[in-house]
């Protein structure tokens, strides 16, 4: 049985920013390719939530590398998956720790 996927507000903002960036700098074909990868990853996560790498923030928080520049960070709950954020892998990894701790405290 597939779990429900819920996008948290920070993740929605990240997705909108990524879309704006892609729209300004890439072709429609490349944009569609990114969103196909995102859809595929979300389908996998809904069915196999433990498929992707566990983060150092706990077993329930996982990281899926969508493309080499972007990772999808999500949390596994009993009845759903919460998308915490989309992270630019070129950033300082300490920023990821800060962002996740901020999301977890909400």
N, C-alpha and C. Protein backbone atom coordinates (compact mmCIF):
# COMPACT_ATOMS: atom_id res chain seq x y z
N UNK A 1 0.84 -1.18 0.00
CA UNK A 1 0.00 0.00 0.00
C UNK A 1 0.88 1.25 0.00
N UNK A 2 0.59 2.17 -0.87
CA UNK A 2 1.37 3.40 -0.99
C UNK A 2 0.96 4.40 0.08
N UNK A 3 1.96 5.04 0.65
CA UNK A 3 1.70 6.07 1.65
C UNK A 3 1.40 7.40 0.97
N UNK A 4 0.63 8.23 1.65
CA UNK A 4 0.33 9.58 1.17
C UNK A 4 1.61 10.41 1.26
N UNK A 5 1.80 11.28 0.28
CA UNK A 5 2.95 12.19 0.29
C UNK A 5 2.44 13.60 0.54
N UNK A 6 3.02 14.24 1.56
CA UNK A 6 2.63 15.60 1.93
C UNK A 6 3.86 16.50 1.79
N UNK A 7 3.70 17.57 1.03
CA UNK A 7 4.77 18.55 0.85
C UNK A 7 4.65 19.61 1.94
N UNK A 8 5.70 19.78 2.72
CA UNK A 8 5.71 20.84 3.73
C UNK A 8 6.01 22.17 3.06
N UNK A 9 5.64 23.29 3.70
CA UNK A 9 5.78 24.60 3.05
C UNK A 9 7.19 24.92 2.54
N UNK A 10 8.23 24.58 3.31
CA UNK A 10 9.59 24.87 2.85
C UNK A 10 9.93 24.09 1.58
N UNK A 11 9.47 22.87 1.50
CA UNK A 11 9.71 22.06 0.31
C UNK A 11 8.96 22.63 -0.89
N UNK A 12 7.75 23.13 -0.67
CA UNK A 12 6.99 23.74 -1.76
C UNK A 12 7.71 24.98 -2.29
N UNK A 13 8.28 25.77 -1.38
CA UNK A 13 9.05 26.95 -1.80
C UNK A 13 10.28 26.54 -2.59
N UNK A 14 10.96 25.51 -2.11
CA UNK A 14 12.14 25.01 -2.82
C UNK A 14 11.78 24.56 -4.23
N UNK A 15 10.68 23.83 -4.36
CA UNK A 15 10.25 23.34 -5.66
C UNK A 15 9.91 24.49 -6.60
N UNK A 16 9.23 25.49 -6.08
CA UNK A 16 8.89 26.66 -6.91
C UNK A 16 10.15 27.39 -7.37
N UNK A 17 11.13 27.53 -6.49
CA UNK A 17 12.39 28.20 -6.85
C UNK A 17 13.15 27.39 -7.90
N UNK A 18 13.15 26.09 -7.76
CA UNK A 18 13.82 25.23 -8.74
C UNK A 18 13.12 25.35 -10.09
N UNK A 19 11.80 25.33 -10.08
CA UNK A 19 11.05 25.46 -11.33
C UNK A 19 11.37 26.79 -12.01
N UNK A 20 11.36 27.88 -11.25
CA UNK A 20 11.68 29.20 -11.83
C UNK A 20 13.07 29.21 -12.44
N UNK A 21 14.03 28.64 -11.73
CA UNK A 21 15.40 28.58 -12.23
C UNK A 21 15.47 27.76 -13.52
N UNK A 22 14.85 26.59 -13.51
CA UNK A 22 14.88 25.74 -14.70
C UNK A 22 14.20 26.42 -15.88
N UNK A 23 13.09 27.08 -15.61
CA UNK A 23 12.34 27.75 -16.68
C UNK A 23 13.17 28.85 -17.34
N UNK A 24 13.99 29.54 -16.56
CA UNK A 24 14.80 30.63 -17.10
C UNK A 24 16.07 30.15 -17.80
N UNK A 25 16.55 28.96 -17.42
CA UNK A 25 17.86 28.55 -17.89
C UNK A 25 17.90 27.26 -18.72
N UNK A 26 16.80 26.56 -18.82
CA UNK A 26 16.82 25.27 -19.51
C UNK A 26 15.64 25.15 -20.46
N UNK A 27 15.74 24.15 -21.32
CA UNK A 27 14.68 23.92 -22.30
C UNK A 27 13.52 23.18 -21.63
N UNK A 28 12.39 23.18 -22.31
CA UNK A 28 11.21 22.48 -21.79
C UNK A 28 11.49 20.97 -21.65
N UNK A 29 12.26 20.45 -22.57
CA UNK A 29 12.62 19.02 -22.52
C UNK A 29 13.40 18.71 -21.24
N UNK A 30 14.36 19.54 -20.89
CA UNK A 30 15.15 19.32 -19.69
C UNK A 30 14.32 19.51 -18.42
N UNK A 31 13.41 20.46 -18.46
CA UNK A 31 12.50 20.66 -17.32
C UNK A 31 11.63 19.43 -17.13
N UNK A 32 11.08 18.91 -18.23
CA UNK A 32 10.25 17.71 -18.15
C UNK A 32 11.05 16.52 -17.63
N UNK A 33 12.30 16.42 -18.03
CA UNK A 33 13.15 15.32 -17.56
C UNK A 33 13.34 15.40 -16.04
N UNK A 34 13.56 16.61 -15.52
CA UNK A 34 13.72 16.77 -14.07
C UNK A 34 12.44 16.35 -13.35
N UNK A 35 11.30 16.82 -13.83
CA UNK A 35 10.03 16.50 -13.16
C UNK A 35 9.65 15.03 -13.32
N UNK A 36 10.08 14.40 -14.41
CA UNK A 36 9.88 12.95 -14.53
C UNK A 36 10.68 12.21 -13.46
N UNK A 37 11.92 12.64 -13.23
CA UNK A 37 12.75 12.02 -12.19
C UNK A 37 12.13 12.24 -10.82
N UNK A 38 11.60 13.43 -10.59
CA UNK A 38 10.95 13.73 -9.31
C UNK A 38 9.73 12.84 -9.11
N UNK A 39 8.90 12.72 -10.14
CA UNK A 39 7.70 11.87 -10.05
C UNK A 39 8.07 10.41 -9.80
N UNK A 40 9.09 9.95 -10.49
CA UNK A 40 9.54 8.56 -10.31
C UNK A 40 10.02 8.34 -8.87
N UNK A 41 10.81 9.26 -8.35
CA UNK A 41 11.31 9.15 -6.97
C UNK A 41 10.15 9.16 -5.98
N UNK A 42 9.17 10.05 -6.18
CA UNK A 42 8.03 10.12 -5.27
C UNK A 42 7.21 8.83 -5.30
N UNK A 43 7.06 8.24 -6.48
CA UNK A 43 6.35 6.96 -6.59
C UNK A 43 7.08 5.88 -5.81
N UNK A 44 8.40 5.84 -5.96
CA UNK A 44 9.20 4.87 -5.22
C UNK A 44 9.09 5.08 -3.71
N UNK A 45 9.18 6.32 -3.29
CA UNK A 45 9.12 6.65 -1.86
C UNK A 45 7.77 6.25 -1.27
N UNK A 46 6.69 6.50 -2.00
CA UNK A 46 5.35 6.17 -1.50
C UNK A 46 5.19 4.67 -1.27
N UNK A 47 5.83 3.86 -2.12
CA UNK A 47 5.68 2.41 -2.01
C UNK A 47 6.78 1.79 -1.15
N UNK A 48 8.01 2.29 -1.31
CA UNK A 48 9.16 1.76 -0.58
C UNK A 48 9.86 2.90 0.18
N UNK A 49 9.29 3.37 1.27
CA UNK A 49 9.81 4.56 1.94
C UNK A 49 11.25 4.42 2.46
N UNK A 50 11.70 3.18 2.72
CA UNK A 50 13.05 3.00 3.24
C UNK A 50 14.08 2.72 2.14
N UNK A 51 13.68 2.93 0.91
CA UNK A 51 14.53 2.62 -0.24
C UNK A 51 15.78 3.50 -0.31
N UNK A 52 15.63 4.75 0.06
CA UNK A 52 16.73 5.69 -0.09
C UNK A 52 17.55 5.81 1.19
N UNK A 53 18.69 6.41 1.05
CA UNK A 53 19.70 6.50 2.11
C UNK A 53 19.18 7.18 3.37
N UNK A 54 19.47 6.58 4.49
CA UNK A 54 19.14 7.17 5.80
C UNK A 54 20.09 8.33 6.06
N UNK A 55 19.56 9.41 6.62
CA UNK A 55 20.40 10.56 6.95
C UNK A 55 20.97 10.38 8.36
N UNK A 56 21.89 11.25 8.70
CA UNK A 56 22.47 11.19 10.05
C UNK A 56 21.52 11.80 11.09
N UNK A 57 20.35 12.25 10.66
CA UNK A 57 19.38 12.89 11.55
C UNK A 57 18.35 11.92 12.10
N UNK A 58 18.52 10.65 11.84
CA UNK A 58 17.59 9.65 12.34
C UNK A 58 17.11 8.73 11.24
N UNK A 59 16.65 7.57 11.64
CA UNK A 59 16.23 6.57 10.67
C UNK A 59 15.04 7.03 9.84
N UNK A 60 14.19 7.86 10.41
CA UNK A 60 12.98 8.29 9.72
C UNK A 60 13.24 9.36 8.67
N UNK A 61 14.41 9.96 8.66
CA UNK A 61 14.72 11.01 7.68
C UNK A 61 15.65 10.42 6.63
N UNK A 62 15.22 10.53 5.38
CA UNK A 62 15.92 9.92 4.25
C UNK A 62 16.28 10.97 3.21
N UNK A 63 17.26 10.62 2.37
CA UNK A 63 17.72 11.52 1.33
C UNK A 63 17.77 10.78 0.00
N UNK A 64 17.09 11.33 -0.98
CA UNK A 64 17.06 10.77 -2.32
C UNK A 64 17.73 11.77 -3.27
N UNK A 65 18.80 11.36 -3.92
CA UNK A 65 19.47 12.23 -4.88
C UNK A 65 18.70 12.15 -6.19
N UNK A 66 18.04 13.26 -6.55
CA UNK A 66 17.26 13.31 -7.79
C UNK A 66 18.18 13.45 -9.00
N UNK A 67 19.03 14.45 -8.92
CA UNK A 67 20.09 14.68 -9.90
C UNK A 67 21.31 15.05 -9.08
N UNK A 68 22.47 15.11 -9.68
CA UNK A 68 23.67 15.32 -8.86
C UNK A 68 23.63 16.63 -8.08
N UNK A 69 22.84 17.60 -8.53
CA UNK A 69 22.78 18.88 -7.83
C UNK A 69 21.67 18.97 -6.78
N UNK A 70 20.65 18.13 -6.86
CA UNK A 70 19.46 18.27 -6.01
C UNK A 70 19.13 16.96 -5.30
N UNK A 71 18.92 17.07 -3.98
CA UNK A 71 18.45 15.93 -3.19
C UNK A 71 17.09 16.25 -2.59
N UNK A 72 16.26 15.24 -2.52
CA UNK A 72 14.95 15.32 -1.89
C UNK A 72 15.10 14.76 -0.48
N UNK A 73 14.76 15.56 0.52
CA UNK A 73 14.86 15.15 1.91
C UNK A 73 13.44 14.93 2.43
N UNK A 74 13.20 13.74 2.98
CA UNK A 74 11.85 13.42 3.44
C UNK A 74 11.89 12.70 4.78
N UNK A 75 10.73 12.73 5.44
CA UNK A 75 10.57 12.09 6.74
C UNK A 75 9.46 11.06 6.64
N UNK A 76 9.69 9.90 7.24
CA UNK A 76 8.70 8.83 7.23
C UNK A 76 7.89 8.91 8.51
N UNK A 77 6.60 9.05 8.34
CA UNK A 77 5.65 9.00 9.46
C UNK A 77 4.88 7.69 9.34
N UNK A 78 4.08 7.37 10.33
CA UNK A 78 3.33 6.10 10.29
C UNK A 78 2.38 6.01 9.10
N UNK A 79 1.70 7.12 8.81
CA UNK A 79 0.66 7.07 7.78
C UNK A 79 0.96 7.92 6.55
N UNK A 80 2.14 8.54 6.50
CA UNK A 80 2.45 9.40 5.35
C UNK A 80 3.96 9.66 5.25
N UNK A 81 4.32 10.25 4.14
CA UNK A 81 5.68 10.73 3.89
C UNK A 81 5.60 12.25 3.84
N UNK A 82 6.48 12.92 4.57
CA UNK A 82 6.54 14.39 4.53
C UNK A 82 7.81 14.81 3.80
N UNK A 83 7.62 15.57 2.73
CA UNK A 83 8.75 16.11 2.00
C UNK A 83 9.20 17.35 2.75
N UNK A 84 10.41 17.29 3.31
CA UNK A 84 10.92 18.40 4.13
C UNK A 84 11.51 19.51 3.28
N UNK A 85 12.34 19.13 2.31
CA UNK A 85 12.97 20.15 1.47
C UNK A 85 13.66 19.52 0.28
N UNK A 86 13.97 20.37 -0.68
CA UNK A 86 14.82 20.01 -1.81
C UNK A 86 16.12 20.76 -1.59
N UNK A 87 17.22 20.04 -1.53
CA UNK A 87 18.50 20.64 -1.15
C UNK A 87 19.47 20.65 -2.32
N UNK A 88 20.12 21.79 -2.51
CA UNK A 88 21.16 21.92 -3.53
C UNK A 88 22.44 21.30 -2.96
N UNK A 89 22.87 20.19 -3.52
CA UNK A 89 24.01 19.45 -3.00
C UNK A 89 25.33 20.21 -3.08
N UNK A 90 25.36 21.30 -3.81
CA UNK A 90 26.59 22.09 -3.92
C UNK A 90 26.77 23.02 -2.73
N UNK A 91 25.74 23.12 -1.89
CA UNK A 91 25.83 23.96 -0.70
C UNK A 91 26.63 23.26 0.40
N UNK A 92 27.00 24.04 1.38
CA UNK A 92 27.69 23.52 2.55
C UNK A 92 26.78 22.49 3.24
N UNK A 93 27.26 21.29 3.51
CA UNK A 93 26.44 20.27 4.17
C UNK A 93 25.94 20.70 5.56
N UNK A 94 26.65 21.61 6.20
CA UNK A 94 26.19 22.11 7.51
C UNK A 94 24.87 22.86 7.37
N UNK A 95 24.65 23.46 6.20
CA UNK A 95 23.38 24.15 5.95
C UNK A 95 22.22 23.15 5.93
N UNK A 96 22.46 21.97 5.38
CA UNK A 96 21.43 20.93 5.37
C UNK A 96 21.06 20.56 6.79
N UNK A 97 22.05 20.40 7.65
CA UNK A 97 21.79 20.08 9.05
C UNK A 97 20.94 21.17 9.70
N UNK A 98 21.28 22.42 9.44
CA UNK A 98 20.51 23.54 10.00
C UNK A 98 19.07 23.51 9.48
N UNK A 99 18.89 23.32 8.19
CA UNK A 99 17.55 23.32 7.59
C UNK A 99 16.70 22.19 8.14
N UNK A 100 17.27 21.02 8.28
CA UNK A 100 16.51 19.89 8.79
C UNK A 100 16.13 20.11 10.25
N UNK A 101 17.06 20.59 11.05
CA UNK A 101 16.74 20.85 12.45
C UNK A 101 15.66 21.91 12.58
N UNK A 102 15.68 22.90 11.69
CA UNK A 102 14.65 23.93 11.69
C UNK A 102 13.29 23.33 11.35
N UNK A 103 13.25 22.46 10.34
CA UNK A 103 11.99 21.81 9.94
C UNK A 103 11.47 20.89 11.04
N UNK A 104 12.36 20.18 11.69
CA UNK A 104 11.93 19.23 12.73
C UNK A 104 11.37 19.94 13.96
N UNK A 105 11.81 21.18 14.17
CA UNK A 105 11.35 21.90 15.35
C UNK A 105 9.96 22.53 15.14
N UNK A 106 9.47 22.49 13.92
CA UNK A 106 8.15 23.10 13.61
C UNK A 106 7.03 22.19 14.01
